[in-house]
């Protein structure tokens, strides 16, 4: 089965680096798990709030606009992790951070990045803070 990005997902990709947008668009075509883009570029105020809530660890987030004028990170949410209103229920971490779904999404993202000649980092592979929905272009 082939999935497609929703209008809301495309809207959430506004301001994201074109290379990362291309990776996400290719990944949705090859993934085993349907997903949505729930966040791309963040304002500094939003980032501060996420740090305060413990959902992010740094104010140097790749979601913020960089000198090239783009954000370099996205958060992808498995459709099965969304409630009936299409919003994430952060209270239900057993579902929200389902490692099986995010491992499959990550496989599609890494495959897409490789096909397109880019390198990405996945928050699900971090040693100190598991962030399954997070993907970012590698620096440099």
C-alpha atoms as a PDB file:
ATOM      1  CA  UNK A   1       0.000   0.000   0.000  1.00  0.00           C
ATOM      2  CA  UNK A   2       1.239   3.466  -0.856  1.00  0.00           C
ATOM      3  CA  UNK A   3       0.469   6.345   1.481  1.00  0.00           C
ATOM      4  CA  UNK A   4       0.318  10.061   0.682  1.00  0.00           C
ATOM      5  CA  UNK A   5       1.034  13.169   2.707  1.00  0.00           C
ATOM      6  CA  UNK A   6      -1.985  15.134   3.842  1.00  0.00           C
ATOM      7  CA  UNK A   7      -2.522  18.815   3.163  1.00  0.00           C
ATOM      8  CA  UNK A   8      -1.736  19.479   6.831  1.00  0.00           C
ATOM      9  CA  UNK A   9       1.556  17.582   6.500  1.00  0.00           C
ATOM     10  CA  UNK A  10       2.571  19.693   3.513  1.00  0.00           C
ATOM     11  CA  UNK A  11       1.619  22.824   5.458  1.00  0.00           C
ATOM     12  CA  UNK A  12       3.834  21.657   8.351  1.00  0.00           C
ATOM     13  CA  UNK A  13       6.752  21.277   5.929  1.00  0.00           C
ATOM     14  CA  UNK A  14       6.666  25.001   5.096  1.00  0.00           C
ATOM     15  CA  UNK A  15      10.106  26.470   5.829  1.00  0.00           C
ATOM     16  CA  UNK A  16      11.803  23.067   6.146  1.00  0.00           C
ATOM     17  CA  UNK A  17      14.969  22.577   4.101  1.00  0.00           C
ATOM     18  CA  UNK A  18      14.040  21.311   0.605  1.00  0.00           C
ATOM     19  CA  UNK A  19      16.321  18.267   0.926  1.00  0.00           C
ATOM     20  CA  UNK A  20      14.478  17.132   4.042  1.00  0.00           C
ATOM     21  CA  UNK A  21      11.120  17.798   2.383  1.00  0.00           C
ATOM     22  CA  UNK A  22      12.200  15.567  -0.515  1.00  0.00           C
ATOM     23  CA  UNK A  23      13.182  12.821   1.943  1.00  0.00           C
ATOM     24  CA  UNK A  24       9.811  12.965   3.718  1.00  0.00           C
ATOM     25  CA  UNK A  25       7.912  12.922   0.416  1.00  0.00           C
ATOM     26  CA  UNK A  26       9.863   9.871  -0.767  1.00  0.00           C
ATOM     27  CA  UNK A  27       9.569   8.127   2.609  1.00  0.00           C
ATOM     28  CA  UNK A  28       5.752   8.306   2.619  1.00  0.00           C
ATOM     29  CA  UNK A  29       5.791   6.494  -0.728  1.00  0.00           C
ATOM     30  CA  UNK A  30       7.808   3.544   0.632  1.00  0.00           C
ATOM     31  CA  UNK A  31       6.867   3.331   4.319  1.00  0.00           C
ATOM     32  CA  UNK A  32       5.032   0.402   5.894  1.00  0.00           C
ATOM     33  CA  UNK A  33       3.483   2.753   8.475  1.00  0.00           C
ATOM     34  CA  UNK A  34       1.363   5.754   7.495  1.00  0.00           C
ATOM     35  CA  UNK A  35       2.541   8.979   9.091  1.00  0.00           C
ATOM     36  CA  UNK A  36       1.889  12.688   9.227  1.00  0.00           C
ATOM     37  CA  UNK A  37       4.255  15.600   9.598  1.00  0.00           C
ATOM     38  CA  UNK A  38       3.198  17.123  12.893  1.00  0.00           C
ATOM     39  CA  UNK A  39       5.920  19.744  13.159  1.00  0.00           C
ATOM     40  CA  UNK A  40       8.619  21.332  11.052  1.00  0.00           C
ATOM     41  CA  UNK A  41       9.876  24.835  11.793  1.00  0.00           C
ATOM     42  CA  UNK A  42       9.436  26.034  15.370  1.00  0.00           C
ATOM     43  CA  UNK A  43       9.509  29.492  16.835  1.00  0.00           C
ATOM     44  CA  UNK A  44      11.954  30.126  19.682  1.00  0.00           C
ATOM     45  CA  UNK A  45       8.944  30.548  21.990  1.00  0.00           C
ATOM     46  CA  UNK A  46       7.579  27.103  21.066  1.00  0.00           C
ATOM     47  CA  UNK A  47      11.019  25.564  21.546  1.00  0.00           C
ATOM     48  CA  UNK A  48      11.340  27.138  25.013  1.00  0.00           C
ATOM     49  CA  UNK A  49       7.958  25.677  25.958  1.00  0.00           C
ATOM     50  CA  UNK A  50       8.944  22.190  24.759  1.00  0.00           C
ATOM     51  CA  UNK A  51      12.168  22.364  26.767  1.00  0.00           C
ATOM     52  CA  UNK A  52      10.172  23.461  29.829  1.00  0.00           C
ATOM     53  CA  UNK A  53       7.816  20.495  29.363  1.00  0.00           C
ATOM     54  CA  UNK A  54      10.710  18.068  28.948  1.00  0.00           C
ATOM     55  CA  UNK A  55       9.780  17.187  25.358  1.00  0.00           C
ATOM     56  CA  UNK A  56      12.986  18.726  24.028  1.00  0.00           C
ATOM     57  CA  UNK A  57      16.427  18.979  25.545  1.00  0.00           C
ATOM     58  CA  UNK A  58      17.935  22.061  23.902  1.00  0.00           C
ATOM     59  CA  UNK A  59      17.370  25.576  22.671  1.00  0.00           C
ATOM     60  CA  UNK A  60      19.711  24.763  19.765  1.00  0.00           C
ATOM     61  CA  UNK A  61      17.039  22.677  18.054  1.00  0.00           C
ATOM     62  CA  UNK A  62      17.331  21.867  14.367  1.00  0.00           C
ATOM     63  CA  UNK A  63      13.621  22.829  14.179  1.00  0.00           C
ATOM     64  CA  UNK A  64      14.599  26.491  14.510  1.00  0.00           C
ATOM     65  CA  UNK A  65      15.402  28.587  11.448  1.00  0.00           C
ATOM     66  CA  UNK A  66      19.103  28.300  10.591  1.00  0.00           C
ATOM     67  CA  UNK A  67      21.344  30.834   8.809  1.00  0.00           C
ATOM     68  CA  UNK A  68      20.352  29.334   5.438  1.00  0.00           C
ATOM     69  CA  UNK A  69      16.734  30.362   6.158  1.00  0.00           C
ATOM     70  CA  UNK A  70      15.370  26.844   6.738  1.00  0.00           C
ATOM     71  CA  UNK A  71      14.529  24.515   9.591  1.00  0.00           C
ATOM     72  CA  UNK A  72      16.452  21.249   9.401  1.00  0.00           C
ATOM     73  CA  UNK A  73      14.176  18.925  11.402  1.00  0.00           C
ATOM     74  CA  UNK A  74      10.715  17.389  11.309  1.00  0.00           C
ATOM     75  CA  UNK A  75       8.596  15.388  13.699  1.00  0.00           C
ATOM     76  CA  UNK A  76       6.602  12.592  12.098  1.00  0.00           C
ATOM     77  CA  UNK A  77       3.707  10.907  13.874  1.00  0.00           C
ATOM     78  CA  UNK A  78       2.465   7.440  13.061  1.00  0.00           C
ATOM     79  CA  UNK A  79      -1.210   7.793  12.140  1.00  0.00           C
ATOM     80  CA  UNK A  80      -2.059   5.133  14.729  1.00  0.00           C
ATOM     81  CA  UNK A  81      -0.706   7.463  17.425  1.00  0.00           C
ATOM     82  CA  UNK A  82      -3.235  10.191  16.678  1.00  0.00           C
ATOM     83  CA  UNK A  83      -6.543  10.554  18.476  1.00  0.00           C
ATOM     84  CA  UNK A  84      -9.867  11.035  16.675  1.00  0.00           C
ATOM     85  CA  UNK A  85      -9.174  14.774  16.323  1.00  0.00           C
ATOM     86  CA  UNK A  86      -5.857  14.103  14.559  1.00  0.00           C
ATOM     87  CA  UNK A  87      -3.871  15.318  17.580  1.00  0.00           C
ATOM     88  CA  UNK A  88      -1.176  13.527  19.558  1.00  0.00           C
ATOM     89  CA  UNK A  89      -2.105  12.352  23.030  1.00  0.00           C
ATOM     90  CA  UNK A  90       1.186  12.986  24.854  1.00  0.00           C
ATOM     91  CA  UNK A  91      -0.261  11.451  28.025  1.00  0.00           C
ATOM     92  CA  UNK A  92      -0.278   7.987  26.462  1.00  0.00           C
ATOM     93  CA  UNK A  93       3.454   7.489  26.007  1.00  0.00           C
ATOM     94  CA  UNK A  94       3.060   3.713  25.521  1.00  0.00           C
ATOM     95  CA  UNK A  95       1.347   4.464  22.218  1.00  0.00           C
ATOM     96  CA  UNK A  96       2.867   7.822  21.323  1.00  0.00           C
ATOM     97  CA  UNK A  97       6.431   6.507  21.415  1.00  0.00           C
ATOM     98  CA  UNK A  98       5.728   3.084  19.918  1.00  0.00           C
ATOM     99  CA  UNK A  99       9.208   1.930  18.927  1.00  0.00           C
ATOM    100  CA  UNK A 100       7.931  -0.615  16.413  1.00  0.00           C
ATOM    101  CA  UNK A 101       6.119   1.996  14.320  1.00  0.00           C
ATOM    102  CA  UNK A 102       8.930   4.536  14.525  1.00  0.00           C
ATOM    103  CA  UNK A 103      11.568   1.971  13.642  1.00  0.00           C
ATOM    104  CA  UNK A 104       9.621   1.253  10.435  1.00  0.00           C
ATOM    105  CA  UNK A 105       9.175   4.959   9.679  1.00  0.00           C
ATOM    106  CA  UNK A 106      12.900   5.454  10.336  1.00  0.00           C
ATOM    107  CA  UNK A 107      13.735   2.656   7.884  1.00  0.00           C
ATOM    108  CA  UNK A 108      11.743   4.451   5.186  1.00  0.00           C
ATOM    109  CA  UNK A 109      13.356   7.796   6.041  1.00  0.00           C
ATOM    110  CA  UNK A 110      16.891   6.347   5.913  1.00  0.00           C
ATOM    111  CA  UNK A 111      16.135   4.559   2.639  1.00  0.00           C
ATOM    112  CA  UNK A 112      14.727   7.754   1.124  1.00  0.00           C
ATOM    113  CA  UNK A 113      17.698   9.805   2.340  1.00  0.00           C
ATOM    114  CA  UNK A 114      20.111   7.290   0.830  1.00  0.00           C
ATOM    115  CA  UNK A 115      18.258   7.238  -2.484  1.00  0.00           C
ATOM    116  CA  UNK A 116      18.424  11.041  -2.616  1.00  0.00           C
ATOM    117  CA  UNK A 117      22.057  11.294  -1.510  1.00  0.00           C
ATOM    118  CA  UNK A 118      21.442  12.876   1.898  1.00  0.00           C
ATOM    119  CA  UNK A 119      22.280  11.915   5.466  1.00  0.00           C
ATOM    120  CA  UNK A 120      19.830  12.171   8.343  1.00  0.00           C
ATOM    121  CA  UNK A 121      19.819  11.586  12.069  1.00  0.00           C
ATOM    122  CA  UNK A 122      16.921   9.921  13.881  1.00  0.00           C
ATOM    123  CA  UNK A 123      15.978  10.873  17.444  1.00  0.00           C
ATOM    124  CA  UNK A 124      15.089   7.223  18.086  1.00  0.00           C
ATOM    125  CA  UNK A 125      18.778   6.383  17.929  1.00  0.00           C
ATOM    126  CA  UNK A 126      19.918   8.887  20.536  1.00  0.00           C
ATOM    127  CA  UNK A 127      21.490   7.385  23.647  1.00  0.00           C
ATOM    128  CA  UNK A 128      20.177   9.775  26.304  1.00  0.00           C
ATOM    129  CA  UNK A 129      16.776  10.912  25.021  1.00  0.00           C
ATOM    130  CA  UNK A 130      14.501   8.748  22.892  1.00  0.00           C
ATOM    131  CA  UNK A 131      12.615  10.903  20.373  1.00  0.00           C
ATOM    132  CA  UNK A 132      11.109   8.453  17.869  1.00  0.00           C
ATOM    133  CA  UNK A 133       9.183  11.027  15.814  1.00  0.00           C
ATOM    134  CA  UNK A 134      12.238  13.303  15.266  1.00  0.00           C
ATOM    135  CA  UNK A 135      14.328  13.351  12.076  1.00  0.00           C
ATOM    136  CA  UNK A 136      16.914  15.935  11.072  1.00  0.00           C
ATOM    137  CA  UNK A 137      19.424  16.583   8.330  1.00  0.00           C
ATOM    138  CA  UNK A 138      22.945  15.862   9.461  1.00  0.00           C
ATOM    139  CA  UNK A 139      25.047  18.946   9.934  1.00  0.00           C
ATOM    140  CA  UNK A 140      27.814  19.742   7.502  1.00  0.00           C
END
